[in-house]
Amino acid sequence: MPTATPVAPATSVPAPARPASPEVTVTDPALVRRAVKAAALGNAMEWFDFGVYSYIAVTLGKVFFPSGNPTAQLLSTFGAFAAAFLVRPLGGMVFGPLGDRIGRQKVLALTMIMMAAGTFAIGLIPSYASIGVGAPILLLAARLVQGFSTGGEYAGASTFIAEYAPDKKRGFFGSWLEFGTLAGYIGGAGLVTLMTALLSTDDLLSWGWRIPFLIAGPMGIIGLYLRMRLEETPAFTAELDKAEADRPKVPLREMITGQWRALLLCVGLVLVFNVTDYMLLSYMPSYLTSELKYDETHGLLVVLGVMALMMIVQPFAGALTDRIGRRPVIAAGCAGFLALSVPALLLIRQGSLVAIALGMGALGLLLVCFTAAMPAALPALFPTRVRYGSLSIGFNISVSLFGGTTPLVVTALIGATGNMMMPAYYMMAAAVIGGVAVWFMSESAGRPLPGSAPAVEPVPARD
């Protein structure tokens, strides 16, 4: 996206049509682009840190969980991966309401610091061979810090972009958030692939695995700088202006019981979004290596190609949600996963590079239906005064119970049943739940966010 220079915050002016009309927020295109870049780039850096763990999971299992059984090692590694998701709702309950209280920008800066610190710490932990059981305990502690901070990240970043974007282009601008996520995944996967190709197995086990985690330090500083340069969103500023003095605190109970219907829809939508996301981008590299005995480097290269394809399609799919709506695009993704999960996994299991690429590519294009629509659809479920808090709670509960546990659950199901098609069946079940949520959700494309004034682009000046 083109570089934008700092400009004055968006202003609210009366709608010219009738004096009694509500205020209309006239967005500043340069400021919108700047906000989108900061949120997307920050998200990319966070998901580089977070995603590297899953890409190098097989190696981490050997470093931190010595065992003669590769499946047991992988289960232990994914167990630590899933443990971080158990504290994500706690992070959401802390950072979400805080974001509605003190502002989105301040909380997003704080989550960046914590995420980078937790990831950097993993790169410093001694191996099991050096300190014994203390190694996996320290790994778990660092993962919990990551998970707690991530509890406020996605909801905050999507809220930030949604509240800056004009109503008619919220899908397009929101899609850049997941563009950043994919860029972070590609950076992490690319670095792991490069290390796997250049380093011997012994070097990778002894010191090479630390490199991607140590990179989190300088990356976190860059992300923090980008986010500290942002102003608060016009919607949050307008909400603050409604209060005569300090902003009243919204009880946590109101964020949950007062928004129960929207929370249920959020949980269902996030379930299908994250189960399919973590299945494809986090679990499949390890599935190809540990279950199908596929060459580790080639498997990661296929995933890299799929993510690059998704990045290319992402902004166009986001713009499509502005034209035809979020509901049709999300529904198409649910229907696609229900119909094509089994054929796609059969192609992947066929084993040839072409077959794996076709199967993974099909799943990746279906996943774009969610990555393009969700950043705009989810914030639109909640009013401004509780948006960050309620979305953080609903999002993280769903991710913790269903999304982040996907690698662990599917690995365990395969081990218990011996059925290698479990990944497909799991995605199909998620698609059914997502389809029910889509049926009951309201269309939000082209409409103001609940509790916020309409947001429009400025009218071009005439000669």
Protein backbone atom coordinates (compact mmCIF):
# COMPACT_ATOMS: atom_id res chain seq x y z
CA MET A 1 0.00 0.00 0.00
CA PRO A 2 1.33 3.52 -0.75
CA THR A 3 3.13 5.42 1.97
CA ALA A 4 1.06 8.07 3.70
CA THR A 5 2.25 11.08 5.68
CA PRO A 6 0.71 12.01 9.05
CA VAL A 7 -2.30 14.25 8.76
CA ALA A 8 -4.95 15.59 11.07
CA PRO A 9 -7.48 13.11 12.51
CA ALA A 10 -10.76 12.54 10.74
CA THR A 11 -13.41 15.07 11.70
CA SER A 12 -17.14 14.81 12.24
CA VAL A 13 -19.36 17.32 10.46
CA PRO A 14 -23.13 17.60 10.23
CA ALA A 15 -24.73 15.81 7.30
CA PRO A 16 -25.70 18.48 4.76
CA ALA A 17 -28.99 16.94 3.64
CA ARG A 18 -31.15 17.89 6.60
CA PRO A 19 -30.40 19.67 9.87
CA ALA A 20 -31.90 16.80 11.88
CA SER A 21 -29.61 14.19 10.31
CA PRO A 22 -27.05 12.45 12.51
CA GLU A 23 -23.41 13.43 12.23
CA VAL A 24 -21.34 11.91 9.46
CA THR A 25 -17.66 11.08 9.88
CA VAL A 26 -15.72 12.22 6.83
CA THR A 27 -12.69 9.95 6.68
CA ASP A 28 -9.25 11.12 5.63
CA PRO A 29 -7.88 8.67 3.02
CA ALA A 30 -4.25 9.23 4.05
CA LEU A 31 -5.02 8.64 7.71
CA VAL A 32 -7.05 5.53 6.91
CA ARG A 33 -4.17 4.05 4.91
CA ARG A 34 -1.75 4.86 7.71
CA ALA A 35 -3.97 3.16 10.29
CA VAL A 36 -4.41 0.09 8.09
CA LYS A 37 -0.68 -0.22 7.48
CA ALA A 38 0.18 0.05 11.18
CA ALA A 39 -2.45 -2.51 12.21
CA ALA A 40 -1.59 -4.92 9.39
CA LEU A 41 2.18 -4.63 9.80
CA GLY A 42 1.90 -5.01 13.54
CA ASN A 43 -0.30 -8.05 13.06
CA ALA A 44 2.22 -9.49 10.59
CA MET A 45 4.98 -9.16 13.15
CA GLU A 46 2.91 -10.77 15.88
CA TRP A 47 1.95 -13.69 13.68
CA PHE A 48 5.52 -14.15 12.51
CA ASP A 49 6.40 -14.68 16.17
CA PHE A 50 3.35 -16.81 16.89
CA GLY A 51 3.41 -18.84 13.67
CA VAL A 52 7.08 -19.84 13.79
CA TYR A 53 6.27 -22.10 16.73
CA SER A 54 4.01 -24.29 14.65
CA TYR A 55 6.30 -24.36 11.61
CA ILE A 56 9.19 -25.71 13.65
CA ALA A 57 7.06 -27.90 15.91
CA VAL A 58 8.76 -31.19 14.99
CA THR A 59 12.19 -29.82 15.94
CA LEU A 60 10.86 -28.23 19.14
CA GLY A 61 9.44 -31.60 20.16
CA LYS A 62 12.93 -33.11 20.02
CA VAL A 63 14.49 -30.18 21.90
CA PHE A 64 12.01 -29.84 24.75
CA PHE A 65 10.21 -33.21 24.97
CA PRO A 66 12.71 -36.09 24.59
CA SER A 67 10.95 -39.35 23.76
CA GLY A 68 11.43 -42.31 21.49
CA ASN A 69 7.95 -41.75 20.02
CA PRO A 70 7.75 -38.94 17.41
CA THR A 71 3.96 -38.76 17.80
CA ALA A 72 4.32 -38.26 21.57
CA GLN A 73 6.86 -35.48 20.94
CA LEU A 74 4.54 -33.75 18.51
CA LEU A 75 1.60 -34.09 20.89
CA SER A 76 3.64 -32.54 23.70
CA THR A 77 4.72 -29.64 21.49
CA PHE A 78 1.19 -28.98 20.31
CA GLY A 79 0.04 -29.31 23.91
CA ALA A 80 2.24 -26.35 24.84
CA PHE A 81 0.94 -24.59 21.71
CA ALA A 82 -2.65 -25.19 22.81
CA ALA A 83 -1.95 -24.15 26.41
CA ALA A 84 -1.41 -20.57 25.29
CA PHE A 85 -4.95 -20.54 23.95
CA LEU A 86 -6.34 -21.41 27.37
CA VAL A 87 -5.26 -18.00 28.70
CA ARG A 88 -6.38 -16.06 25.63
CA PRO A 89 -9.89 -15.48 27.06
CA LEU A 90 -8.25 -14.04 30.18
CA GLY A 91 -6.22 -11.72 28.01
CA GLY A 92 -9.36 -10.77 26.11
CA MET A 93 -11.21 -10.01 29.35
CA VAL A 94 -8.36 -7.74 30.44
CA PHE A 95 -7.31 -6.02 27.22
CA GLY A 96 -10.75 -5.80 25.58
CA PRO A 97 -12.51 -3.78 28.30
CA LEU A 98 -9.31 -1.79 28.75
CA GLY A 99 -9.41 -0.90 25.06
CA ASP A 100 -12.98 0.37 25.47
CA ARG A 101 -11.87 2.33 28.53
CA ILE A 102 -8.52 3.96 27.68
CA GLY A 103 -8.38 3.55 23.90
CA ARG A 104 -7.58 1.06 21.16
CA GLN A 105 -4.14 2.48 20.31
CA LYS A 106 -2.66 2.21 23.81
CA VAL A 107 -3.76 -1.39 24.29
CA LEU A 108 -2.49 -2.45 20.85
CA ALA A 109 0.94 -1.03 21.74
CA LEU A 110 0.93 -2.99 25.02
CA THR A 111 0.01 -6.29 23.35
CA MET A 112 2.87 -5.81 20.89
CA ILE A 113 5.41 -5.41 23.70
CA MET A 114 4.20 -8.52 25.55
CA MET A 115 4.02 -10.72 22.46
CA ALA A 116 7.54 -9.82 21.34
CA ALA A 117 8.92 -10.37 24.86
CA GLY A 118 7.31 -13.81 25.17
CA THR A 119 8.58 -14.94 21.79
CA PHE A 120 12.11 -13.58 22.39
CA ALA A 121 12.21 -15.48 25.68
CA ILE A 122 11.58 -18.80 23.92
CA GLY A 123 14.79 -18.30 21.95
CA LEU A 124 16.76 -18.05 25.21
CA ILE A 125 15.42 -21.19 26.95
CA PRO A 126 17.99 -23.99 27.44
CA SER A 127 17.13 -27.40 26.03
CA TYR A 128 15.84 -30.40 27.99
CA ALA A 129 19.30 -31.94 27.71
CA SER A 130 20.75 -28.92 29.57
CA ILE A 131 18.29 -28.29 32.43
CA GLY A 132 15.86 -31.18 32.32
CA VAL A 133 12.20 -30.65 33.17
CA GLY A 134 12.77 -26.93 33.66
CA ALA A 135 12.99 -26.48 29.87
CA PRO A 136 9.39 -27.44 29.02
CA ILE A 137 8.16 -25.50 32.08
CA LEU A 138 9.89 -22.33 30.86
CA LEU A 139 8.55 -22.95 27.35
CA LEU A 140 5.04 -23.21 28.74
CA ALA A 141 5.49 -19.98 30.73
CA ALA A 142 6.62 -18.08 27.63
CA ARG A 143 3.72 -19.50 25.63
CA LEU A 144 1.30 -18.31 28.31
CA VAL A 145 2.67 -14.77 28.02
CA GLN A 146 2.19 -14.97 24.26
CA GLY A 147 -1.34 -16.26 24.61
CA PHE A 148 -2.34 -13.65 27.19
CA SER A 149 -1.11 -10.77 25.02
CA THR A 150 -2.65 -12.19 21.86
CA GLY A 151 -5.99 -12.14 23.66
CA GLY A 152 -6.20 -8.43 22.91
CA GLU A 153 -4.57 -8.38 19.50
CA TYR A 154 -6.95 -9.48 16.75
CA ALA A 155 -10.07 -7.88 18.20
CA GLY A 156 -8.18 -4.64 18.74
CA ALA A 157 -6.60 -4.55 15.29
CA SER A 158 -9.84 -5.39 13.48
CA THR A 159 -11.75 -2.85 15.58
CA PHE A 160 -9.11 -0.23 14.85
CA ILE A 161 -9.35 -0.68 11.07
CA ALA A 162 -13.14 -1.01 11.07
CA GLU A 163 -13.56 2.25 12.99
CA TYR A 164 -11.24 4.14 10.67
CA ALA A 165 -12.54 2.80 7.35
CA PRO A 166 -15.43 4.32 5.36
CA ASP A 167 -18.57 2.20 5.43
CA LYS A 168 -18.47 1.33 1.73
CA LYS A 169 -14.85 0.13 1.82
CA ARG A 170 -14.63 -1.51 5.24
CA GLY A 171 -14.27 -4.98 3.72
CA PHE A 172 -11.40 -3.91 1.46
CA PHE A 173 -9.47 -2.14 4.19
CA GLY A 174 -10.20 -4.88 6.72
CA SER A 175 -8.83 -7.51 4.37
CA TRP A 176 -5.37 -5.97 4.72
CA LEU A 177 -5.31 -7.13 8.34
CA GLU A 178 -5.27 -10.76 7.21
CA PHE A 179 -2.92 -9.80 4.39
CA GLY A 180 -0.53 -8.84 7.18
CA THR A 181 -1.19 -12.12 8.96
CA LEU A 182 -0.33 -14.07 5.82
CA ALA A 183 2.80 -11.99 5.32
CA GLY A 184 3.85 -12.86 8.86
CA TYR A 185 3.18 -16.53 8.25
CA ILE A 186 5.18 -16.42 5.02
CA GLY A 187 8.05 -14.71 6.79
CA GLY A 188 8.05 -17.35 9.52
CA ALA A 189 7.62 -20.30 7.17
CA GLY A 190 10.19 -18.91 4.76
CA LEU A 191 12.80 -18.53 7.49
CA VAL A 192 12.14 -22.06 8.79
CA THR A 193 12.36 -23.44 5.26
CA LEU A 194 15.65 -21.63 4.66
CA MET A 195 17.12 -22.92 7.91
CA THR A 196 15.95 -26.45 7.18
CA ALA A 197 17.61 -26.33 3.76
CA LEU A 198 20.89 -24.74 4.87
CA LEU A 199 21.49 -26.26 8.31
CA SER A 200 22.25 -29.83 9.21
CA THR A 201 19.86 -31.65 11.52
CA ASP A 202 22.36 -31.40 14.38
CA ASP A 203 22.84 -27.64 13.89
CA LEU A 204 19.09 -27.08 13.71
CA LEU A 205 18.58 -29.00 16.95
CA SER A 206 21.46 -27.40 18.82
CA TRP A 207 21.11 -23.69 17.94
CA GLY A 208 19.36 -23.05 14.60
CA TRP A 209 15.83 -23.30 15.99
CA ARG A 210 16.49 -20.27 18.21
CA ILE A 211 17.02 -17.81 15.34
CA PRO A 212 13.37 -17.07 14.42
CA PHE A 213 12.42 -16.55 18.05
CA LEU A 214 15.30 -14.15 18.73
CA ILE A 215 14.27 -12.04 15.73
CA ALA A 216 11.14 -11.14 17.70
CA GLY A 217 13.08 -8.54 19.70
CA PRO A 218 13.88 -6.04 16.93
CA MET A 219 10.60 -6.83 15.16
CA GLY A 220 8.67 -5.93 18.29
CA ILE A 221 10.43 -2.57 18.51
CA ILE A 222 9.43 -1.78 14.92
CA GLY A 223 5.84 -2.78 15.52
CA LEU A 224 5.67 -0.73 18.70
CA TYR A 225 6.96 2.34 16.85
CA LEU A 226 4.31 1.96 14.16
CA ARG A 227 1.49 1.67 16.66
CA MET A 228 2.64 4.48 18.91
CA ARG A 229 2.43 6.89 15.96
CA LEU A 230 -1.30 6.27 15.52
CA GLU A 231 -4.13 8.42 16.82
CA GLU A 232 -7.34 7.07 18.33
CA THR A 233 -10.16 6.13 15.98
CA PRO A 234 -12.88 8.70 15.18
CA ALA A 235 -15.55 6.35 16.56
CA PHE A 236 -13.80 5.96 19.92
CA THR A 237 -13.07 9.70 20.11
CA ALA A 238 -16.72 10.48 19.45
CA GLU A 239 -17.74 8.00 22.16
CA LEU A 240 -15.42 9.74 24.61
CA ASP A 241 -16.93 13.11 23.71
CA LYS A 242 -20.35 11.87 24.78
CA ALA A 243 -19.19 11.69 28.39
CA GLU A 244 -19.16 14.93 30.39
CA ALA A 245 -16.08 13.90 32.33
CA ASP A 246 -14.11 10.66 32.34
CA ARG A 247 -15.42 7.76 30.28
CA PRO A 248 -17.77 5.59 32.39
CA LYS A 249 -16.62 2.04 32.92
CA VAL A 250 -18.72 -0.60 31.19
CA PRO A 251 -19.19 -3.65 33.47
CA LEU A 252 -17.81 -6.92 32.15
CA ARG A 253 -21.23 -8.47 32.73
CA GLU A 254 -22.79 -6.01 30.28
CA MET A 255 -20.21 -6.96 27.66
CA ILE A 256 -21.32 -10.58 27.95
CA THR A 257 -24.98 -10.83 29.01
CA GLY A 258 -25.92 -7.60 27.27
CA GLN A 259 -24.49 -8.89 24.00
CA TRP A 260 -25.28 -12.59 24.28
CA ARG A 261 -26.78 -13.01 20.82
CA ALA A 262 -23.91 -11.22 19.09
CA LEU A 263 -21.43 -13.21 21.20
CA LEU A 264 -22.95 -16.52 20.07
CA LEU A 265 -22.74 -15.43 16.44
CA CYS A 266 -19.16 -14.32 17.00
CA VAL A 267 -18.19 -17.68 18.52
CA GLY A 268 -19.71 -19.58 15.58
CA LEU A 269 -18.08 -17.40 12.93
CA VAL A 270 -14.70 -17.45 14.64
CA LEU A 271 -14.94 -21.23 15.06
CA VAL A 272 -15.10 -21.97 11.34
CA PHE A 273 -12.60 -19.21 10.59
CA ASN A 274 -9.96 -20.43 13.03
CA VAL A 275 -10.40 -24.18 12.78
CA THR A 276 -9.80 -24.00 9.02
CA ASP A 277 -7.06 -21.39 9.43
CA TYR A 278 -5.04 -23.33 11.99
CA MET A 279 -5.68 -26.59 10.16
CA LEU A 280 -4.23 -25.29 6.92
CA LEU A 281 -1.51 -22.90 8.04
CA SER A 282 -0.35 -24.38 11.35
CA TYR A 283 -1.17 -28.08 11.36
CA MET A 284 -0.67 -29.13 7.73
CA PRO A 285 3.13 -28.65 7.64
CA SER A 286 3.49 -31.04 10.58
CA TYR A 287 0.83 -33.36 9.13
CA LEU A 288 2.81 -33.68 5.90
CA THR A 289 6.01 -34.41 7.82
CA SER A 290 4.93 -36.57 10.75
CA GLU A 291 1.88 -38.40 9.39
CA LEU A 292 2.58 -38.64 5.65
CA LYS A 293 6.40 -38.82 6.00
CA TYR A 294 6.71 -36.07 3.42
CA ASP A 295 9.99 -34.21 3.04
CA GLU A 296 9.96 -31.32 5.53
CA THR A 297 11.36 -28.68 3.16
CA HIS A 298 9.03 -29.54 0.29
CA GLY A 299 6.02 -29.52 2.60
CA LEU A 300 6.84 -26.03 3.85
CA LEU A 301 7.40 -24.79 0.30
CA VAL A 302 3.91 -25.94 -0.66
CA VAL A 303 2.42 -24.07 2.30
CA LEU A 304 4.43 -20.99 1.35
CA GLY A 305 2.98 -21.13 -2.16
CA VAL A 306 -0.56 -21.47 -0.84
CA MET A 307 -0.14 -18.47 1.45
CA ALA A 308 1.31 -16.39 -1.39
CA LEU A 309 -1.74 -17.27 -3.49
CA MET A 310 -4.02 -16.25 -0.64
CA MET A 311 -2.22 -12.92 -0.29
CA ILE A 312 -2.76 -12.14 -3.97
CA VAL A 313 -6.49 -12.88 -3.76
CA GLN A 314 -7.07 -11.31 -0.34
CA PRO A 315 -7.65 -7.60 -1.23
CA PHE A 316 -9.87 -8.49 -4.19
CA ALA A 317 -11.97 -10.78 -2.00
CA GLY A 318 -12.22 -8.01 0.60
CA ALA A 319 -13.49 -5.59 -2.04
CA LEU A 320 -15.96 -8.25 -3.18
CA THR A 321 -17.49 -8.34 0.31
CA ASP A 322 -18.16 -4.61 -0.02
CA ARG A 323 -20.05 -5.18 -3.28
CA ILE A 324 -22.06 -8.33 -2.60
CA GLY A 325 -21.96 -8.49 1.20
CA ARG A 326 -20.13 -10.39 3.94
CA ARG A 327 -22.79 -13.08 4.34
CA PRO A 328 -22.63 -14.51 0.78
CA VAL A 329 -18.82 -14.70 0.88
CA ILE A 330 -18.67 -16.39 4.30
CA ALA A 331 -21.50 -18.76 3.30
CA ALA A 332 -19.60 -19.73 0.16
CA GLY A 333 -16.58 -20.60 2.28
CA CYS A 334 -18.65 -22.78 4.61
CA ALA A 335 -20.28 -24.59 1.70
CA GLY A 336 -16.91 -25.10 0.05
CA PHE A 337 -15.31 -26.65 3.12
CA LEU A 338 -18.31 -28.91 3.60
CA ALA A 339 -18.14 -30.18 0.01
CA LEU A 340 -14.41 -30.15 -0.73
CA SER A 341 -12.57 -31.01 2.51
CA VAL A 342 -12.56 -34.75 1.81
CA PRO A 343 -11.56 -34.49 -1.88
CA ALA A 344 -8.85 -31.96 -1.02
CA LEU A 345 -7.36 -34.14 1.73
CA LEU A 346 -7.46 -37.19 -0.54
CA LEU A 347 -5.43 -35.22 -3.06
CA ILE A 348 -2.97 -34.24 -0.33
CA ARG A 349 -2.68 -37.86 0.81
CA GLN A 350 -1.97 -38.96 -2.75
CA GLY A 351 1.52 -37.68 -2.02
CA SER A 352 2.78 -36.16 -5.25
CA LEU A 353 3.84 -32.52 -5.24
CA VAL A 354 1.18 -31.56 -7.79
CA ALA A 355 -1.60 -33.32 -5.88
CA ILE A 356 -0.58 -31.76 -2.56
CA ALA A 357 -0.40 -28.31 -4.17
CA LEU A 358 -3.86 -28.69 -5.70
CA GLY A 359 -5.43 -29.90 -2.46
CA MET A 360 -3.79 -27.23 -0.33
CA GLY A 361 -4.53 -24.55 -2.93
CA ALA A 362 -8.23 -25.40 -2.96
CA LEU A 363 -8.41 -25.18 0.84
CA GLY A 364 -6.45 -21.93 0.79
CA LEU A 365 -8.84 -20.24 -1.64
CA LEU A 366 -11.78 -21.34 0.48
CA LEU A 367 -10.07 -19.94 3.57
CA VAL A 368 -9.84 -16.55 1.83
CA CYS A 369 -13.63 -16.34 2.08
CA PHE A 370 -13.13 -16.02 5.84
CA THR A 371 -9.88 -14.04 5.98
CA ALA A 372 -11.34 -11.40 3.63
CA ALA A 373 -14.74 -11.02 5.32
CA MET A 374 -14.19 -11.56 9.05
CA PRO A 375 -12.12 -8.44 9.89
CA ALA A 376 -15.07 -6.29 8.77
CA ALA A 377 -17.92 -8.62 9.79
CA LEU A 378 -16.89 -9.31 13.40
CA PRO A 379 -16.54 -5.70 14.67
CA ALA A 380 -19.94 -4.92 13.11
CA LEU A 381 -21.59 -7.34 15.54
CA PHE A 382 -21.10 -5.00 18.52
CA PRO A 383 -21.78 -1.32 19.40
CA THR A 384 -18.88 1.09 19.81
CA ARG A 385 -18.93 1.35 23.62
CA VAL A 386 -18.36 -2.39 24.09
CA ARG A 387 -16.91 -3.36 20.71
CA TYR A 388 -13.34 -4.08 21.73
CA GLY A 389 -14.32 -5.85 24.96
CA SER A 390 -17.18 -7.99 23.65
CA LEU A 391 -15.32 -8.94 20.47
CA SER A 392 -12.20 -9.87 22.46
CA ILE A 393 -14.22 -12.12 24.75
CA GLY A 394 -16.19 -13.87 22.01
CA PHE A 395 -13.24 -14.18 19.67
CA ASN A 396 -10.85 -15.61 22.23
CA ILE A 397 -13.30 -18.03 23.79
CA SER A 398 -13.91 -19.52 20.36
CA VAL A 399 -10.24 -19.57 19.39
CA SER A 400 -9.25 -21.13 22.70
CA LEU A 401 -11.85 -23.89 22.64
CA PHE A 402 -11.75 -24.73 18.95
CA GLY A 403 -9.14 -22.92 16.84
CA GLY A 404 -5.92 -23.15 18.80
CA THR A 405 -6.64 -26.69 19.96
CA THR A 406 -7.06 -27.91 16.36
CA PRO A 407 -3.51 -29.31 15.95
CA LEU A 408 -3.66 -31.10 19.31
CA VAL A 409 -7.18 -32.50 18.85
CA VAL A 410 -6.64 -33.69 15.29
CA THR A 411 -3.28 -35.29 16.14
CA ALA A 412 -4.93 -37.06 19.08
CA LEU A 413 -7.89 -38.20 16.96
CA ILE A 414 -5.59 -39.67 14.35
CA GLY A 415 -3.59 -41.43 17.05
CA ALA A 416 -6.74 -42.83 18.70
CA THR A 417 -8.59 -43.91 15.55
CA GLY A 418 -5.83 -44.42 12.99
CA ASN A 419 -8.07 -42.54 10.54
CA MET A 420 -5.92 -40.17 8.48
CA MET A 421 -9.02 -38.35 7.17
CA MET A 422 -9.75 -36.74 10.55
CA PRO A 423 -8.57 -33.28 9.40
CA ALA A 424 -11.24 -33.25 6.68
CA TYR A 425 -14.03 -34.37 9.01
CA TYR A 426 -13.02 -31.74 11.56
CA MET A 427 -13.18 -28.96 8.97
CA MET A 428 -16.56 -30.18 7.75
CA ALA A 429 -18.00 -30.07 11.28
CA ALA A 430 -16.69 -26.52 11.68
CA ALA A 431 -18.27 -25.53 8.35
CA VAL A 432 -21.69 -26.68 9.53
CA ILE A 433 -21.45 -24.55 12.68
CA GLY A 434 -20.22 -21.57 10.69
CA GLY A 435 -23.08 -21.95 8.25
CA VAL A 436 -25.61 -21.76 11.08
CA ALA A 437 -23.98 -18.55 12.35
CA VAL A 438 -24.08 -17.00 8.87
CA TRP A 439 -27.79 -17.82 8.60
CA PHE A 440 -28.59 -15.78 11.71
CA MET A 441 -26.17 -12.86 11.26
CA SER A 442 -27.24 -9.55 9.72
CA GLU A 443 -25.57 -8.07 6.68
CA SER A 444 -23.22 -5.20 7.56
CA ALA A 445 -21.65 -4.28 4.23
CA GLY A 446 -22.04 -0.61 3.35
CA ARG A 447 -23.71 0.21 6.67
CA PRO A 448 -22.45 2.21 9.67
CA LEU A 449 -21.01 0.31 12.61
CA PRO A 450 -23.54 -0.06 15.46
CA GLY A 451 -23.35 2.94 17.76
CA SER A 452 -21.20 4.94 15.33
CA ALA A 453 -22.02 7.71 12.89
CA PRO A 454 -21.95 6.91 9.16
CA ALA A 455 -18.40 7.07 7.80
CA VAL A 456 -17.97 8.38 4.26
CA GLU A 457 -15.09 9.29 1.99
CA PRO A 458 -14.56 12.98 1.22
CA VAL A 459 -16.12 14.31 -1.98
CA PRO A 460 -13.40 15.06 -4.55
CA ALA A 461 -12.87 18.78 -5.06
CA ARG A 462 -14.19 20.18 -8.34
CA ASP A 463 -12.15 22.44 -10.59
